[in-house]
Amino acid sequence: MAEDSDLERTEPASQRRLDEARARGQIPRSPELATFSVLLAGGGAMMVLGAGLVEVLGRVVARGLTLDRAEAFRPELMVARLREAGEFALVSFGPYLLVLVVVALVAPLLVSGWIFTFEAVAPQFSRLDPAKGLGRMFSTRGLIELGKAIGKALVVGGVATLVLKSEIEPILGLSAESYESALAHLGHLLLLTFLTVVGAMALLVAIDVPFQLWQHAKQLRMTKEEVRREHKETEGDPQVKGRIRQMQREQARRRMMAEVPRADVVVTNPTHFAVALRYRESSMRAPIVVAKGSSLVAERIIALAEANRVPVLRAPPLARALHAHADLGREIPGSLYTAVAEVLAYVFQLSRFEQEGGAMPAVPADIRVPPELDPDLATEEP
């Protein structure tokens, strides 16, 4: 049962899946919205520009039918007259056609925006397979599209039929009216029919657009396994990321251990904590922490310091404070300057003793640090 549920596409599409589908040209489309937009824009533009277009058509027809005897017997002039009439009509109808083109291009923005991709029109030989073509025709989607086409024809055709049927007497009476009256009456009937059909188309659009969005989302739904796999691909496999972090920590630890032989002193707790310090008066404003660690790492720091003859000083409060408040590779906190200065003074005296001899310097026995910087003192209950 668990395997069956994992195979079901119950999860919404991720943004990555939506982007990939869009790159392939797979976006929600509503042919009904495009048809409705062009029809509405065409009707509106015709209402505004109709009078001028009728006048243009009258002039084209009058010009085309007005011939003198010389032109009637010269075919080349007839061709030129036809070309001239066509160019005149095209230029006159240019604004109207421009409106239709602009609306046809802008209408898709209302659903899915513009998309420029050649993948959707790339040749795919699988589309030439008759078996697959028949499968698409009789698939659920094909049957739905067939039902939509039949429903659209029934709705639009039915509405137009009802309007014409209700106006059958005025239509038949147009022949008895004068030319001007019949023309005005016909325009009124056409406008009424147009508005009714557009209203029916608006109803189809209100149903089709949400359906297309829902169907697109349904087609791109993912299984739980696909969601997990995509998460691994985008965020990274947790095991791989853990291994990378482990390798990074090991590399950082090796770099840190390589700095211990160049340290001036290692302050210890003695085994719980170890902090290696280096100070160069000519290039440093304050001592910096070159290595620090606890437990096994502290033991390795101490062993490496002893092997390279780096002084190791037991100062538990200072070791705890440095480990808790000093960052690796950074200067020590200013509140620990005094305590660290005491340690470095001892280290420089010890170095001078080893080089020149003389009196052995006394090991600092009680190095004090501010109580608020000692983790042991800061966590004690009052």
Protein backbone atom coordinates (compact mmCIF):
# COMPACT_ATOMS: atom_id res chain seq x y z
CA MET A 1 0.00 0.00 0.00
CA ALA A 2 2.84 2.35 0.80
CA GLU A 3 4.44 1.73 -2.59
CA ASP A 4 1.14 2.37 -4.36
CA SER A 5 0.66 5.66 -2.52
CA ASP A 6 4.19 6.76 -3.40
CA LEU A 7 3.44 6.18 -7.09
CA GLU A 8 0.40 8.45 -7.02
CA ARG A 9 0.98 12.01 -8.15
CA THR A 10 -0.43 13.76 -5.12
CA GLU A 11 2.17 16.49 -4.57
CA PRO A 12 1.93 19.92 -6.23
CA ALA A 13 4.60 20.73 -8.81
CA SER A 14 7.73 22.41 -7.50
CA GLN A 15 8.99 25.67 -8.94
CA ARG A 16 11.80 23.81 -10.67
CA ARG A 17 9.32 21.48 -12.39
CA LEU A 18 7.18 24.44 -13.44
CA ASP A 19 10.22 26.23 -14.88
CA GLU A 20 11.32 23.13 -16.80
CA ALA A 21 7.82 22.67 -18.22
CA ARG A 22 7.72 26.32 -19.24
CA ALA A 23 11.08 25.98 -20.98
CA ARG A 24 9.58 23.10 -23.00
CA GLY A 25 6.62 25.26 -23.96
CA GLN A 26 4.26 23.36 -21.66
CA ILE A 27 2.10 26.13 -20.26
CA PRO A 28 -1.65 26.53 -19.67
CA ARG A 29 -3.45 27.78 -22.75
CA SER A 30 -7.05 28.81 -23.22
CA PRO A 31 -8.12 28.94 -26.90
CA GLU A 32 -11.49 30.20 -25.74
CA LEU A 33 -9.89 33.24 -24.12
CA ALA A 34 -7.94 34.06 -27.29
CA THR A 35 -11.05 33.67 -29.46
CA PHE A 36 -13.15 35.75 -27.08
CA SER A 37 -10.52 38.51 -26.88
CA VAL A 38 -10.10 38.77 -30.64
CA LEU A 39 -13.87 38.65 -31.18
CA LEU A 40 -14.50 41.34 -28.58
CA ALA A 41 -11.69 43.56 -29.86
CA GLY A 42 -12.83 43.09 -33.45
CA GLY A 43 -16.40 44.02 -32.60
CA GLY A 44 -15.34 47.03 -30.57
CA ALA A 45 -12.98 48.25 -33.26
CA MET A 46 -15.67 47.74 -35.87
CA MET A 47 -18.07 49.90 -33.86
CA VAL A 48 -15.49 52.68 -33.70
CA LEU A 49 -14.03 52.36 -37.19
CA GLY A 50 -17.03 50.84 -38.96
CA ALA A 51 -18.28 53.99 -40.63
CA GLY A 52 -14.86 54.79 -42.07
CA LEU A 53 -14.34 51.18 -43.22
CA VAL A 54 -17.72 51.11 -44.97
CA GLU A 55 -16.81 54.32 -46.74
CA VAL A 56 -13.48 52.84 -47.80
CA LEU A 57 -15.15 49.71 -49.13
CA GLY A 58 -17.65 51.88 -51.06
CA ARG A 59 -14.82 53.85 -52.61
CA VAL A 60 -12.94 50.66 -53.52
CA VAL A 61 -16.01 49.14 -55.14
CA ALA A 62 -16.90 52.37 -56.95
CA ARG A 63 -13.34 52.80 -58.15
CA GLY A 64 -13.17 49.17 -59.28
CA LEU A 65 -16.37 49.35 -61.26
CA THR A 66 -15.66 52.70 -62.88
CA LEU A 67 -13.85 52.02 -66.14
CA ASP A 68 -13.49 53.91 -69.40
CA ARG A 69 -13.44 52.19 -72.75
CA ALA A 70 -9.64 52.37 -73.12
CA GLU A 71 -9.00 50.66 -69.79
CA ALA A 72 -11.54 47.92 -70.51
CA PHE A 73 -9.45 46.70 -73.47
CA ARG A 74 -6.05 46.88 -71.75
CA PRO A 75 -5.52 43.96 -69.30
CA GLU A 76 -2.31 45.43 -67.88
CA LEU A 77 -4.23 48.46 -66.68
CA MET A 78 -6.81 46.20 -65.06
CA VAL A 79 -4.08 44.44 -63.08
CA ALA A 80 -2.63 47.78 -61.99
CA ARG A 81 -6.13 48.96 -60.99
CA LEU A 82 -6.63 45.78 -58.95
CA ARG A 83 -3.26 46.20 -57.20
CA GLU A 84 -4.03 49.83 -56.45
CA ALA A 85 -7.42 48.95 -54.96
CA GLY A 86 -5.87 46.20 -52.85
CA GLU A 87 -3.14 48.47 -51.49
CA PHE A 88 -5.68 51.18 -50.70
CA ALA A 89 -7.94 48.74 -48.86
CA LEU A 90 -5.01 47.22 -46.94
CA VAL A 91 -3.77 50.61 -45.78
CA SER A 92 -7.29 51.68 -44.84
CA PHE A 93 -7.91 48.48 -42.88
CA GLY A 94 -4.43 48.63 -41.29
CA PRO A 95 -5.55 50.11 -37.93
CA TYR A 96 -8.31 47.52 -37.62
CA LEU A 97 -5.95 44.64 -38.40
CA LEU A 98 -3.36 46.09 -36.03
CA VAL A 99 -5.88 46.00 -33.18
CA LEU A 100 -6.62 42.34 -33.86
CA VAL A 101 -2.92 41.41 -34.00
CA VAL A 102 -2.11 43.23 -30.76
CA VAL A 103 -5.01 41.61 -28.91
CA ALA A 104 -4.06 38.16 -30.25
CA LEU A 105 -0.52 38.64 -28.89
CA VAL A 106 -1.57 40.11 -25.54
CA ALA A 107 -4.38 37.64 -24.74
CA PRO A 108 -2.00 34.80 -23.66
CA LEU A 109 -0.49 37.13 -21.05
CA LEU A 110 -3.71 36.86 -19.06
CA VAL A 111 -3.14 33.14 -18.43
CA SER A 112 0.55 32.29 -18.65
CA GLY A 113 2.47 35.23 -20.08
CA TRP A 114 4.67 35.23 -23.13
CA ILE A 115 7.14 32.44 -23.75
CA PHE A 116 9.80 32.19 -26.45
CA THR A 117 10.98 28.63 -27.06
CA PHE A 118 11.67 26.54 -30.13
CA GLU A 119 11.39 23.22 -28.29
CA ALA A 120 7.63 23.10 -28.70
CA VAL A 121 7.90 23.37 -32.51
CA ALA A 122 10.99 21.18 -32.87
CA PRO A 123 10.43 18.13 -35.10
CA GLN A 124 9.47 15.06 -33.11
CA PHE A 125 9.10 11.85 -35.11
CA SER A 126 7.04 10.32 -32.31
CA ARG A 127 4.21 12.62 -33.38
CA LEU A 128 4.13 10.81 -36.73
CA ASP A 129 3.35 7.48 -35.07
CA PRO A 130 -0.28 6.61 -36.05
CA ALA A 131 -0.74 4.44 -32.95
CA LYS A 132 0.25 7.24 -30.62
CA GLY A 133 -1.87 9.68 -32.61
CA LEU A 134 -4.92 7.47 -32.18
CA GLY A 135 -4.07 7.10 -28.51
CA ARG A 136 -4.05 10.87 -28.09
CA MET A 137 -7.33 11.17 -29.99
CA PHE A 138 -9.11 8.70 -27.74
CA SER A 139 -7.37 9.66 -24.51
CA THR A 140 -9.13 11.38 -21.65
CA ARG A 141 -7.74 14.74 -22.72
CA GLY A 142 -8.85 14.17 -26.32
CA LEU A 143 -12.36 13.30 -25.21
CA ILE A 144 -12.48 16.37 -22.99
CA GLU A 145 -11.39 18.60 -25.87
CA LEU A 146 -14.01 16.99 -28.12
CA GLY A 147 -16.68 17.60 -25.49
CA LYS A 148 -15.55 21.22 -25.13
CA ALA A 149 -15.75 21.77 -28.91
CA ILE A 150 -19.23 20.25 -29.09
CA GLY A 151 -20.37 22.24 -26.06
CA LYS A 152 -18.98 25.47 -27.51
CA ALA A 153 -20.75 24.87 -30.83
CA LEU A 154 -24.00 24.10 -29.05
CA VAL A 155 -23.82 27.12 -26.75
CA VAL A 156 -22.78 29.67 -29.38
CA GLY A 157 -24.95 28.18 -32.12
CA GLY A 158 -27.91 27.82 -29.80
CA VAL A 159 -27.65 31.40 -28.56
CA ALA A 160 -27.31 32.76 -32.09
CA THR A 161 -30.26 30.64 -33.25
CA LEU A 162 -32.47 31.89 -30.41
CA VAL A 163 -31.59 35.50 -31.19
CA LEU A 164 -32.25 35.11 -34.92
CA LYS A 165 -35.45 33.19 -34.24
CA SER A 166 -36.72 35.93 -31.94
CA GLU A 167 -35.92 38.55 -34.59
CA ILE A 168 -37.15 36.63 -37.62
CA GLU A 169 -40.06 38.98 -38.34
CA PRO A 170 -37.90 42.17 -38.27
CA ILE A 171 -35.35 40.44 -40.49
CA LEU A 172 -38.01 39.50 -43.06
CA GLY A 173 -39.42 43.03 -42.88
CA LEU A 174 -36.12 44.62 -43.92
CA SER A 175 -37.08 44.22 -47.57
CA ALA A 176 -40.09 46.48 -47.12
CA GLU A 177 -38.10 49.29 -45.52
CA SER A 178 -36.19 52.05 -47.23
CA TYR A 179 -32.47 51.66 -47.85
CA GLU A 180 -31.39 53.95 -45.01
CA SER A 181 -33.91 52.52 -42.55
CA ALA A 182 -33.11 48.91 -43.48
CA LEU A 183 -29.38 49.52 -43.14
CA ALA A 184 -29.80 51.05 -39.65
CA HIS A 185 -32.17 48.27 -38.60
CA LEU A 186 -29.77 45.60 -39.89
CA GLY A 187 -26.91 47.17 -37.95
CA HIS A 188 -29.02 47.02 -34.78
CA LEU A 189 -29.83 43.34 -35.35
CA LEU A 190 -26.17 42.50 -36.00
CA LEU A 191 -25.10 44.35 -32.87
CA LEU A 192 -27.68 42.49 -30.78
CA THR A 193 -26.54 39.14 -32.18
CA PHE A 194 -22.89 40.02 -31.66
CA LEU A 195 -23.38 41.04 -28.03
CA THR A 196 -25.35 37.89 -27.29
CA VAL A 197 -22.71 35.64 -28.85
CA VAL A 198 -19.94 37.49 -27.01
CA GLY A 199 -21.86 37.00 -23.75
CA ALA A 200 -22.05 33.27 -24.43
CA MET A 201 -18.32 33.22 -25.20
CA ALA A 202 -17.63 35.02 -21.93
CA LEU A 203 -19.41 32.21 -20.09
CA LEU A 204 -17.23 29.64 -21.89
CA VAL A 205 -14.08 31.60 -21.03
CA ALA A 206 -15.09 31.79 -17.35
CA ILE A 207 -15.28 27.97 -17.36
CA ASP A 208 -12.31 27.20 -19.61
CA VAL A 209 -9.59 29.36 -17.99
CA PRO A 210 -9.88 27.83 -14.47
CA PHE A 211 -10.15 24.39 -16.07
CA GLN A 212 -6.95 24.90 -18.09
CA LEU A 213 -5.06 26.10 -15.01
CA TRP A 214 -6.31 23.13 -12.97
CA GLN A 215 -5.48 20.65 -15.73
CA HIS A 216 -1.99 22.10 -16.18
CA ALA A 217 -1.32 21.83 -12.44
CA LYS A 218 -2.67 18.26 -12.45
CA GLN A 219 -0.41 17.19 -15.32
CA LEU A 220 2.68 18.49 -13.52
CA ARG A 221 1.89 16.99 -10.12
CA MET A 222 4.68 14.91 -8.63
CA THR A 223 5.00 11.74 -6.63
CA LYS A 224 6.52 11.85 -3.17
CA GLU A 225 9.56 10.02 -4.51
CA GLU A 226 10.04 12.68 -7.21
CA VAL A 227 9.81 15.39 -4.56
CA ARG A 228 12.46 13.68 -2.44
CA ARG A 229 14.71 13.10 -5.45
CA GLU A 230 14.41 16.72 -6.58
CA HIS A 231 15.12 17.92 -3.06
CA LYS A 232 18.30 15.87 -3.06
CA GLU A 233 19.32 17.24 -6.46
CA THR A 234 18.70 20.86 -5.48
CA GLU A 235 19.68 20.85 -1.81
CA GLY A 236 22.21 18.04 -2.00
CA ASP A 237 22.21 14.52 -0.60
CA PRO A 238 22.45 14.77 3.23
CA GLN A 239 25.02 11.99 3.33
CA VAL A 240 27.16 13.68 0.69
CA LYS A 241 26.82 17.06 2.41
CA GLY A 242 27.76 15.47 5.75
CA ARG A 243 30.82 13.85 4.19
CA ILE A 244 31.85 17.18 2.64
CA ARG A 245 31.49 18.96 5.99
CA GLN A 246 33.52 16.22 7.66
CA MET A 247 36.29 16.58 5.08
CA GLN A 248 36.24 20.35 5.50
CA ARG A 249 36.59 19.98 9.28
CA GLU A 250 39.48 17.56 8.83
CA GLN A 251 41.25 19.93 6.46
CA ALA A 252 40.73 22.84 8.84
CA ARG A 253 42.06 20.74 11.72
CA ARG A 254 45.15 19.78 9.72
CA ARG A 255 45.79 23.42 8.88
CA MET A 256 45.35 24.30 12.54
CA MET A 257 47.75 21.59 13.69
CA ALA A 258 50.33 22.81 11.18
CA GLU A 259 50.35 26.16 13.03
CA VAL A 260 51.13 24.63 16.46
CA PRO A 261 54.93 24.26 15.90
CA ARG A 262 55.08 28.01 15.14
CA ALA A 263 53.21 29.01 18.29
CA ASP A 264 54.90 30.81 21.19
CA VAL A 265 53.01 29.00 23.95
CA VAL A 266 50.21 26.52 24.57
CA VAL A 267 47.93 27.25 27.53
CA THR A 268 46.26 24.11 28.94
CA ASN A 269 43.67 23.03 31.51
CA PRO A 270 45.80 20.72 31.49
CA THR A 271 44.03 18.14 29.28
CA HIS A 272 40.47 19.37 28.91
CA PHE A 273 41.42 22.45 26.89
CA ALA A 274 44.47 23.62 24.96
CA VAL A 275 44.96 26.98 23.23
CA ALA A 276 48.06 27.83 21.17
CA LEU A 277 49.06 31.53 20.96
CA ARG A 278 51.46 33.39 18.72
CA TYR A 279 52.63 36.98 19.00
CA ARG A 280 54.95 39.00 16.77
CA GLU A 281 55.51 42.45 18.18
CA SER A 282 56.56 43.89 14.81
CA SER A 283 53.46 42.76 12.88
CA MET A 284 50.70 42.04 15.40
CA ARG A 285 48.67 44.37 17.55
CA ALA A 286 47.78 41.56 19.97
CA PRO A 287 48.41 37.82 20.31
CA ILE A 288 46.28 35.60 18.05
CA VAL A 289 44.92 32.10 18.57
CA VAL A 290 46.50 29.71 16.07
CA ALA A 291 44.98 26.49 17.44
CA LYS A 292 42.52 25.41 20.09
CA GLY A 293 40.58 22.32 21.04
CA SER A 294 39.24 20.13 23.81
CA SER A 295 39.66 16.51 24.89
CA LEU A 296 41.45 14.49 22.18
CA VAL A 297 42.19 17.56 20.06
CA ALA A 298 43.70 19.25 23.10
CA GLU A 299 45.89 16.21 23.73
CA ARG A 300 47.11 16.29 20.13
CA ILE A 301 47.92 20.01 20.40
CA ILE A 302 49.89 19.43 23.61
CA ALA A 303 51.76 16.45 22.16
CA LEU A 304 52.62 18.34 19.00
CA ALA A 305 53.81 21.36 21.03
CA GLU A 306 56.03 19.21 23.23
CA ALA A 307 57.48 17.47 20.17
CA ASN A 308 58.42 20.86 18.69
CA ARG A 309 59.67 22.34 21.99
CA VAL A 310 56.85 24.85 22.27
CA PRO A 311 56.32 25.84 25.93
CA VAL A 312 53.18 24.33 27.50
CA LEU A 313 51.82 26.27 30.46
CA ARG A 314 49.16 24.95 32.83
CA ALA A 315 46.70 27.80 33.54
CA PRO A 316 43.15 26.36 33.83
CA PRO A 317 41.13 29.62 34.19
CA LEU A 318 42.98 31.28 31.30
CA ALA A 319 42.70 28.15 29.12
CA ARG A 320 38.96 27.96 29.73
CA ALA A 321 38.49 31.68 29.02
CA LEU A 322 40.56 31.59 25.83
CA HIS A 323 38.79 28.48 24.55
CA ALA A 324 35.35 29.99 25.22
CA HIS A 325 35.88 33.57 24.07
CA ALA A 326 38.81 33.67 21.60
CA ASP A 327 38.16 32.80 17.95
CA LEU A 328 40.57 30.74 15.91
CA GLY A 329 42.82 32.94 13.80
CA ARG A 330 41.68 36.12 15.59
CA GLU A 331 43.16 38.34 18.26
CA ILE A 332 42.42 37.52 21.88
CA PRO A 333 39.74 39.60 23.68
CA GLY A 334 41.03 42.85 25.16
CA SER A 335 39.91 41.80 28.66
CA LEU A 336 42.45 38.96 28.56
CA TYR A 337 45.44 41.11 27.55
CA THR A 338 46.81 41.32 31.09
CA ALA A 339 46.63 37.58 31.74
CA VAL A 340 48.15 36.68 28.36
CA ALA A 341 50.87 39.34 28.81
CA GLU A 342 51.91 37.60 32.00
CA VAL A 343 52.14 34.28 30.14
CA LEU A 344 54.13 35.79 27.25
CA ALA A 345 56.52 37.50 29.69
CA TYR A 346 57.24 34.11 31.21
CA VAL A 347 57.74 32.57 27.76
CA PHE A 348 60.19 35.29 26.66
CA GLN A 349 62.11 34.96 29.93
CA LEU A 350 62.25 31.19 29.44
CA SER A 351 63.58 31.65 25.90
CA ARG A 352 66.26 34.03 27.16
CA PHE A 353 67.22 31.55 29.91
CA GLU A 354 67.60 28.74 27.35
CA GLN A 355 69.79 30.93 25.14
CA GLU A 356 71.87 32.83 27.71
CA GLY A 357 71.49 30.88 30.95
CA GLY A 358 71.11 32.57 34.32
CA ALA A 359 68.26 32.28 36.78
CA MET A 360 65.38 30.01 35.85
CA PRO A 361 62.19 32.12 35.54
CA ALA A 362 59.39 31.28 37.93
CA VAL A 363 56.32 29.63 36.41
CA PRO A 364 53.23 31.85 36.86
CA ALA A 365 51.20 30.13 39.56
CA ASP A 366 48.01 32.16 39.80
CA ILE A 367 46.97 33.81 36.54
CA ARG A 368 43.69 35.59 37.09
CA VAL A 369 41.04 36.30 34.48
CA PRO A 370 37.82 38.31 34.78
CA PRO A 371 35.25 36.06 36.49
CA GLU A 372 32.66 36.65 33.77
CA LEU A 373 35.05 35.16 31.18
CA ASP A 374 35.68 31.91 33.09
CA PRO A 375 32.93 29.46 32.05
CA ASP A 376 33.22 27.52 35.30
CA LEU A 377 32.70 30.63 37.43
CA ALA A 378 30.02 32.11 35.13
CA THR A 379 27.84 28.97 35.39
CA GLU A 380 28.07 28.59 39.16
CA GLU A 381 24.83 29.17 41.00
CA PRO A 382 24.86 32.10 43.47
